[in-house]
Amino acid sequence: MGHLSCFLPGDIWPDTDGVHINAHGGGVLQHEGRYYWFGEHKVGGSVGNSAQVGVGVYSSSDLYNWKNEGIALSVSEEHGDPIQRGCILERPKVIFNDRTKRFVMWFHLEPLGAGYGGAQSGVAVADCVTGPYRLVGNFRPNAGHWPENLPIAQRLPLDELEAGRLRGMNLNGGPVEEFPDELICRRDFAGGQMARDMTLFVDDDGSAYHIYASEENGTLHISLLSEDYTRCSGRYVRALVGRFHEAPAVFKRGGKYFLITSGCTGWAPNAARLSVAEAMFGTWTEVGNPCVGTVEEVRNTFESQSTFVLRAADQESGFIFMADRWRPKDAIQGRYVWLPLEFRHGVSVVGWREKWDLTAFAK
């Protein structure tokens, strides 16, 4: 197999064995001078939209050439296991805990048979970066805890009228005309908040955050993790209430926090959104679409959906926008769109390139 020396967004991306990389909805961890790309291992056909194998992992020293390191987290063959084969296991992200020296994976989990109604988070840990990872928890986050930015006067159980209003709404994960503001959050207080599309972010001080689409996808939650990164700390905020963001990807530059998301249109691509904050707990402000290019490229984010923003080592401004081109009718055919982020007047933008390499970040 030939040695790759550039990125070709949207093309087949062969690993070092010549096989198209199988790590969808993924993220990249840099550890001890090497990159590790974790993602959903897909199989052919529509059945590939559910987890038939698990989470794959690849390693690279240069970001172009990736070695298949196998399955980091395998689905279970045991009936009733939370990650039983056929469950929905999406957007795995891995971070390293410097205190415990463990690798911690979080993902969006829908146990088998729950459709998208489970809206859980799964957590797995490993002592080796490539695994094997073992499941240590699956739950809805922050049960019994109120968001820090929910007014105290609203921290009440639903009354009969409010509960009836919710039951009468068509809450199917997409935008609704009159989002019921804090009602869903209050409904889910005791059992935990819904958690679907998600990412992880570790700040400069070692604090780790879980960012996920919650409240029937209507509102993002940003949750501080425990010191060992395996649980929620109980501290979290609601962000971009009622705006229906998903596919979050977070990064930090120049002391500011940036969040790239998509709208909620299922598998179909839509226009990306960029939000900015001075702190992880906000306030987050939407600043528009980060994509530049043709009308169609801007409208559908280069026919892709965000999954992660990767900081390229030794590159002060070397941030790579990672996105997926989903193929739900034949899941294994999904492609990857990696593009360099540029910064104009302090705001990140991303434009299409047929071919590029890391010299794009050279000053």
Protein backbone atom coordinates (compact mmCIF):
# COMPACT_ATOMS: atom_id res chain seq x y z
CA MET A 1 0.00 0.00 0.00
CA GLY A 2 1.30 3.43 -0.93
CA HIS A 3 2.28 6.00 1.64
CA LEU A 4 -0.19 8.90 1.90
CA SER A 5 1.10 12.46 2.19
CA CYS A 6 -2.10 14.52 2.06
CA PHE A 7 -5.80 14.60 2.88
CA LEU A 8 -8.40 13.95 0.16
CA PRO A 9 -11.73 14.93 1.77
CA GLY A 10 -14.66 12.74 0.82
CA ASP A 11 -12.55 10.09 -0.94
CA ILE A 12 -12.02 6.49 0.11
CA TRP A 13 -9.38 6.70 2.87
CA PRO A 14 -7.34 3.49 2.97
CA ASP A 15 -5.60 2.35 6.13
CA THR A 16 -2.11 0.86 5.99
CA ASP A 17 -3.66 -2.44 4.87
CA GLY A 18 -5.46 -0.74 1.98
CA VAL A 19 -8.92 -1.01 3.55
CA HIS A 20 -11.20 2.05 3.89
CA ILE A 21 -10.95 3.35 7.47
CA ASN A 22 -13.94 2.26 9.56
CA ALA A 23 -14.23 4.83 12.37
CA HIS A 24 -17.38 6.87 11.88
CA GLY A 25 -18.72 9.60 14.18
CA GLY A 26 -15.34 9.53 15.81
CA GLY A 27 -12.72 11.56 17.60
CA VAL A 28 -8.95 11.59 17.92
CA LEU A 29 -6.82 11.34 21.06
CA GLN A 30 -3.17 12.35 20.98
CA HIS A 31 -1.11 10.33 23.45
CA GLU A 32 2.65 10.03 23.81
CA GLY A 33 3.41 11.34 20.36
CA ARG A 34 0.85 9.27 18.49
CA TYR A 35 -2.71 9.88 17.36
CA TYR A 36 -5.56 7.44 18.03
CA TRP A 37 -8.76 7.68 15.99
CA PHE A 38 -11.80 6.04 17.60
CA GLY A 39 -15.09 5.62 15.77
CA GLU A 40 -18.14 3.49 15.07
CA HIS A 41 -17.25 0.30 13.20
CA LYS A 42 -19.92 -0.01 10.48
CA VAL A 43 -21.04 -3.00 8.44
CA GLY A 44 -22.84 -3.02 5.10
CA GLY A 45 -26.51 -2.24 4.59
CA SER A 46 -28.90 -0.34 6.82
CA VAL A 47 -28.22 -2.76 9.68
CA GLY A 48 -24.85 -1.01 9.91
CA ASN A 49 -26.59 1.96 11.51
CA SER A 50 -26.76 -0.13 14.68
CA ALA A 51 -23.75 -1.55 16.50
CA GLN A 52 -22.85 -4.96 15.08
CA VAL A 53 -19.16 -4.95 16.04
CA GLY A 54 -18.29 -2.04 18.34
CA VAL A 55 -15.83 0.84 18.41
CA GLY A 56 -12.77 0.64 16.18
CA VAL A 57 -9.43 2.32 16.77
CA TYR A 58 -6.61 3.34 14.42
CA SER A 59 -3.21 4.86 15.17
CA SER A 60 -1.02 7.28 13.23
CA SER A 61 2.13 9.34 13.63
CA ASP A 62 1.36 11.80 10.82
CA LEU A 63 -2.48 11.98 10.53
CA TYR A 64 -2.40 10.75 6.92
CA ASN A 65 -1.54 7.08 7.38
CA TRP A 66 -3.57 5.05 9.85
CA LYS A 67 -2.94 1.54 11.18
CA ASN A 68 -5.92 -0.58 12.17
CA GLU A 69 -5.47 -1.40 15.86
CA GLY A 70 -8.64 -3.50 16.04
CA ILE A 71 -11.83 -3.18 18.06
CA ALA A 72 -11.37 -1.09 21.19
CA LEU A 73 -14.83 -1.80 22.62
CA SER A 74 -16.74 -4.87 21.45
CA VAL A 75 -20.49 -5.32 21.52
CA SER A 76 -21.79 -8.09 23.75
CA GLU A 77 -23.47 -11.32 22.73
CA GLU A 78 -25.20 -11.54 26.10
CA HIS A 79 -28.96 -10.90 26.07
CA GLY A 80 -29.87 -7.82 28.07
CA ASP A 81 -26.35 -6.38 28.14
CA PRO A 82 -26.51 -2.58 27.65
CA ILE A 83 -24.18 -2.87 24.64
CA GLN A 84 -25.73 -6.03 23.23
CA ARG A 85 -25.19 -6.46 19.49
CA GLY A 86 -27.81 -4.39 17.67
CA CYS A 87 -27.86 -1.53 20.16
CA ILE A 88 -27.21 2.00 18.94
CA LEU A 89 -23.71 3.10 19.94
CA GLU A 90 -22.70 6.44 18.45
CA ARG A 91 -20.02 9.15 18.54
CA PRO A 92 -17.42 7.50 20.80
CA LYS A 93 -14.81 9.84 22.25
CA VAL A 94 -11.78 8.91 24.38
CA ILE A 95 -9.80 11.05 26.82
CA PHE A 96 -6.86 10.23 29.09
CA ASN A 97 -7.05 10.82 32.81
CA ASP A 98 -3.62 11.90 34.05
CA ARG A 99 -4.57 11.22 37.69
CA THR A 100 -5.76 7.63 37.25
CA LYS A 101 -3.64 6.88 34.15
CA ARG A 102 -6.73 5.37 32.56
CA PHE A 103 -8.32 5.94 29.19
CA VAL A 104 -12.01 6.82 29.38
CA MET A 105 -14.50 6.44 26.54
CA TRP A 106 -17.95 8.06 26.46
CA PHE A 107 -20.59 7.46 23.79
CA HIS A 108 -24.26 7.92 23.02
CA LEU A 109 -26.07 4.67 23.82
CA GLU A 110 -29.53 3.40 22.95
CA PRO A 111 -29.94 -0.09 24.41
CA LEU A 112 -31.41 -2.68 22.05
CA GLY A 113 -35.13 -2.19 21.49
CA ALA A 114 -35.31 1.36 22.86
CA GLY A 115 -35.17 3.12 19.48
CA TYR A 116 -33.87 6.59 20.32
CA GLY A 117 -35.93 6.80 23.50
CA GLY A 118 -33.19 5.60 25.84
CA ALA A 119 -30.99 8.66 25.28
CA GLN A 120 -28.25 7.35 27.56
CA SER A 121 -24.54 7.87 27.98
CA GLY A 122 -22.22 4.88 28.03
CA VAL A 123 -18.83 4.93 29.77
CA ALA A 124 -15.99 2.44 29.29
CA VAL A 125 -12.41 2.38 30.58
CA ALA A 126 -9.11 0.78 29.63
CA ASP A 127 -5.52 0.71 30.87
CA CYS A 128 -4.16 0.63 27.31
CA VAL A 129 -5.09 3.28 24.75
CA THR A 130 -6.19 0.74 22.14
CA GLY A 131 -8.17 -1.29 24.67
CA PRO A 132 -9.85 -3.54 25.33
CA TYR A 133 -12.32 -1.14 26.96
CA ARG A 134 -14.89 -2.43 29.44
CA LEU A 135 -18.25 -0.85 30.13
CA VAL A 136 -18.47 0.68 33.61
CA GLY A 137 -21.72 2.58 33.34
CA ASN A 138 -24.76 3.49 31.26
CA PHE A 139 -27.20 6.10 32.44
CA ARG A 140 -28.91 9.38 31.78
CA PRO A 141 -26.65 12.17 33.08
CA ASN A 142 -27.12 14.27 36.19
CA ALA A 143 -30.12 12.52 37.75
CA GLY A 144 -31.28 14.49 40.76
CA HIS A 145 -29.30 17.61 39.85
CA TRP A 146 -30.59 20.90 38.49
CA PRO A 147 -28.73 22.93 35.84
CA GLU A 148 -26.78 25.76 37.44
CA ASN A 149 -28.40 28.31 35.13
CA LEU A 150 -31.99 27.20 35.69
CA PRO A 151 -33.65 29.80 37.95
CA ILE A 152 -34.43 28.47 41.41
CA ALA A 153 -38.09 29.40 40.99
CA GLN A 154 -38.33 26.92 38.10
CA ARG A 155 -36.78 23.99 39.94
CA LEU A 156 -40.10 22.24 40.53
CA PRO A 157 -41.78 19.01 39.42
CA LEU A 158 -44.20 19.34 36.53
CA ASP A 159 -47.81 20.02 37.41
CA GLU A 160 -50.64 18.17 35.64
CA LEU A 161 -51.16 20.94 33.10
CA GLU A 162 -47.47 21.04 32.16
CA ALA A 163 -47.21 17.27 31.94
CA GLY A 164 -50.26 17.18 29.69
CA ARG A 165 -48.78 19.83 27.45
CA LEU A 166 -45.64 17.76 26.98
CA ARG A 167 -47.60 14.58 26.28
CA GLY A 168 -49.54 16.41 23.57
CA MET A 169 -46.45 17.62 21.71
CA ASN A 170 -44.78 15.84 18.79
CA LEU A 171 -41.28 15.69 20.22
CA ASN A 172 -39.42 13.62 17.63
CA GLY A 173 -35.92 15.08 17.91
CA GLY A 174 -36.44 17.85 15.37
CA PRO A 175 -37.37 21.51 15.77
CA VAL A 176 -40.80 22.39 17.13
CA GLU A 177 -42.51 25.76 16.81
CA GLU A 178 -42.95 26.37 20.52
CA PHE A 179 -40.18 24.62 22.38
CA PRO A 180 -41.41 23.92 25.92
CA ASP A 181 -38.44 25.70 27.47
CA GLU A 182 -37.54 24.12 30.81
CA LEU A 183 -40.40 21.59 30.94
CA ILE A 184 -38.41 18.65 29.52
CA CYS A 185 -35.48 19.37 31.82
CA ARG A 186 -37.85 19.42 34.79
CA ARG A 187 -39.57 16.23 33.59
CA ASP A 188 -36.22 14.41 33.48
CA PHE A 189 -34.81 15.74 36.75
CA ALA A 190 -35.28 12.55 38.77
CA GLY A 191 -34.33 9.99 36.12
CA GLY A 192 -31.54 11.94 34.46
CA GLN A 193 -31.31 14.17 31.44
CA MET A 194 -31.54 12.85 27.87
CA ALA A 195 -28.14 12.54 26.16
CA ARG A 196 -27.77 11.88 22.44
CA ASP A 197 -25.11 13.34 20.07
CA MET A 198 -22.10 14.13 22.22
CA THR A 199 -18.44 15.01 22.54
CA LEU A 200 -15.83 15.35 25.29
CA PHE A 201 -13.46 18.22 25.99
CA VAL A 202 -10.53 18.44 28.42
CA ASP A 203 -9.58 21.97 29.42
CA ASP A 204 -6.09 23.26 30.19
CA ASP A 205 -6.55 22.65 33.93
CA GLY A 206 -7.52 19.00 33.42
CA SER A 207 -11.24 19.56 33.94
CA ALA A 208 -13.25 17.39 31.55
CA TYR A 209 -16.66 18.17 30.08
CA HIS A 210 -19.39 16.12 28.46
CA ILE A 211 -21.33 18.13 25.85
CA TYR A 212 -24.49 16.51 24.56
CA ALA A 213 -27.82 17.11 22.84
CA SER A 214 -30.53 16.92 25.49
CA GLU A 215 -34.19 17.77 26.09
CA GLU A 216 -35.48 15.92 22.98
CA ASN A 217 -32.49 17.47 21.09
CA GLY A 218 -33.79 20.97 21.77
CA THR A 219 -31.03 22.14 24.12
CA LEU A 220 -27.36 21.34 24.61
CA HIS A 221 -26.13 20.44 28.08
CA ILE A 222 -22.53 21.03 29.17
CA SER A 223 -21.63 18.84 32.11
CA LEU A 224 -18.48 18.84 34.25
CA LEU A 225 -17.19 15.30 34.80
CA SER A 226 -15.90 13.77 38.01
CA GLU A 227 -12.17 13.80 38.69
CA ASP A 228 -11.78 10.29 37.28
CA TYR A 229 -13.84 11.25 34.16
CA THR A 230 -16.18 8.27 34.55
CA ARG A 231 -19.20 10.03 36.06
CA CYS A 232 -21.05 13.31 36.02
CA SER A 233 -20.12 15.69 38.82
CA GLY A 234 -23.66 17.05 39.13
CA ARG A 235 -22.59 20.45 37.84
CA TYR A 236 -23.97 21.35 34.42
CA VAL A 237 -25.64 24.11 32.42
CA ARG A 238 -28.17 24.38 29.62
CA ALA A 239 -26.86 26.07 26.47
CA LEU A 240 -28.56 27.39 23.33
CA VAL A 241 -31.99 26.59 24.71
CA GLY A 242 -34.57 25.56 22.14
CA ARG A 243 -32.17 25.96 19.21
CA PHE A 244 -31.92 22.24 18.31
CA HIS A 245 -28.18 21.71 17.94
CA GLU A 246 -26.49 18.31 17.57
CA ALA A 247 -23.15 16.85 16.42
CA PRO A 248 -21.13 19.05 18.85
CA ALA A 249 -17.40 19.59 18.35
CA VAL A 250 -15.55 21.81 20.85
CA PHE A 251 -12.14 23.43 20.84
CA LYS A 252 -10.28 26.27 22.56
CA ARG A 253 -8.09 28.92 21.01
CA GLY A 254 -6.78 32.20 22.37
CA GLY A 255 -8.64 31.77 25.64
CA LYS A 256 -12.00 31.42 23.88
CA TYR A 257 -14.15 28.35 23.48
CA PHE A 258 -15.60 27.45 20.10
CA LEU A 259 -18.45 25.05 19.40
CA ILE A 260 -19.33 23.72 15.94
CA THR A 261 -22.67 21.95 15.65
CA SER A 262 -25.29 20.98 13.10
CA GLY A 263 -29.04 21.32 13.03
CA CYS A 264 -31.32 18.32 13.62
CA THR A 265 -32.30 16.79 10.28
CA GLY A 266 -31.56 13.10 10.85
CA TRP A 267 -29.02 11.61 8.42
CA ALA A 268 -29.43 14.48 5.93
CA PRO A 269 -26.69 17.15 6.05
CA ASN A 270 -27.57 20.73 6.95
CA ALA A 271 -25.88 24.06 7.61
CA ALA A 272 -23.22 24.06 10.33
CA ARG A 273 -23.38 26.53 13.21
CA LEU A 274 -20.60 28.20 15.17
CA SER A 275 -20.99 29.38 18.75
CA VAL A 276 -18.44 31.12 20.98
CA ALA A 277 -18.05 31.55 24.76
CA GLU A 278 -15.56 32.96 27.24
CA ALA A 279 -16.00 29.90 29.51
CA MET A 280 -17.29 26.36 29.09
CA PHE A 281 -20.32 27.13 31.22
CA GLY A 282 -21.11 30.04 28.90
CA THR A 283 -22.84 32.17 28.00
CA TRP A 284 -22.67 30.69 24.45
CA THR A 285 -23.42 33.01 21.54
CA GLU A 286 -24.22 31.83 18.02
CA VAL A 287 -22.14 33.70 15.45
CA GLY A 288 -23.30 32.08 12.21
CA ASN A 289 -22.23 29.41 9.76
CA PRO A 290 -18.46 28.71 9.79
CA CYS A 291 -18.48 27.32 6.23
CA VAL A 292 -17.39 29.41 3.25
CA GLY A 293 -17.80 28.38 -0.38
CA THR A 294 -20.63 27.84 -2.83
CA VAL A 295 -24.25 28.18 -1.77
CA GLU A 296 -24.60 24.41 -1.71
CA GLU A 297 -21.37 23.85 0.25
CA VAL A 298 -22.46 26.35 2.88
CA ARG A 299 -26.00 24.96 2.99
CA ASN A 300 -24.98 21.34 3.58
CA THR A 301 -21.52 21.66 5.20
CA PHE A 302 -19.77 20.05 2.22
CA GLU A 303 -22.34 17.24 2.39
CA SER A 304 -21.21 16.28 5.87
CA GLN A 305 -21.85 16.63 9.60
CA SER A 306 -19.38 17.66 12.28
CA THR A 307 -17.98 15.09 14.71
CA PHE A 308 -14.75 16.52 16.20
CA VAL A 309 -12.14 19.28 15.99
CA LEU A 310 -8.60 17.93 16.17
CA ARG A 311 -5.63 19.94 17.33
CA ALA A 312 -2.63 18.98 15.21
CA ALA A 313 0.48 18.76 17.39
CA ASP A 314 3.15 21.46 17.02
CA GLN A 315 0.72 23.65 15.10
CA GLU A 316 -0.34 26.73 17.09
CA SER A 317 -3.35 27.31 14.87
CA GLY A 318 -3.55 23.79 13.45
CA PHE A 319 -7.16 22.82 14.02
CA ILE A 320 -8.78 20.24 11.76
CA PHE A 321 -12.54 20.09 11.25
CA MET A 322 -13.61 16.43 11.20
CA ALA A 323 -16.96 15.47 9.70
CA ASP A 324 -18.84 12.47 8.35
CA ARG A 325 -20.68 11.83 5.11
CA TRP A 326 -23.32 9.39 6.27
CA ARG A 327 -24.63 6.63 4.02
CA PRO A 328 -27.52 5.16 6.03
CA LYS A 329 -28.64 2.77 3.26
CA ASP A 330 -25.17 1.19 3.23
CA ALA A 331 -23.50 2.40 6.40
CA ILE A 332 -20.02 1.05 5.68
CA GLN A 333 -19.78 3.37 2.65
CA GLY A 334 -19.67 6.51 4.84
CA ARG A 335 -16.80 8.87 4.03
CA TYR A 336 -14.78 11.40 6.02
CA VAL A 337 -14.38 15.11 5.42
CA TRP A 338 -11.32 16.59 7.14
CA LEU A 339 -10.65 20.26 6.42
CA PRO A 340 -8.37 22.91 7.96
CA LEU A 341 -9.96 25.56 10.14
CA GLU A 342 -8.85 29.10 9.40
CA PHE A 343 -9.26 32.09 11.67
CA ARG A 344 -10.45 35.42 10.34
CA HIS A 345 -10.86 38.29 12.78
CA GLY A 346 -10.86 35.77 15.63
CA VAL A 347 -13.64 33.62 14.16
CA SER A 348 -13.07 30.15 12.75
CA VAL A 349 -14.08 29.39 9.17
CA VAL A 350 -13.77 26.28 7.04
CA GLY A 351 -13.63 26.06 3.26
CA TRP A 352 -13.53 23.18 0.81
CA ARG A 353 -10.25 21.75 -0.46
CA GLU A 354 -9.99 18.83 -2.86
CA LYS A 355 -6.52 18.07 -1.54
CA TRP A 356 -4.43 19.53 1.27
CA ASP A 357 -1.71 18.76 3.80
CA LEU A 358 -0.46 20.11 7.11
CA THR A 359 1.61 22.82 5.45
CA ALA A 360 -1.74 24.66 5.24
CA PHE A 361 -1.04 25.69 8.85
CA ALA A 362 2.45 26.99 8.17
CA LYS A 363 2.90 30.70 8.86
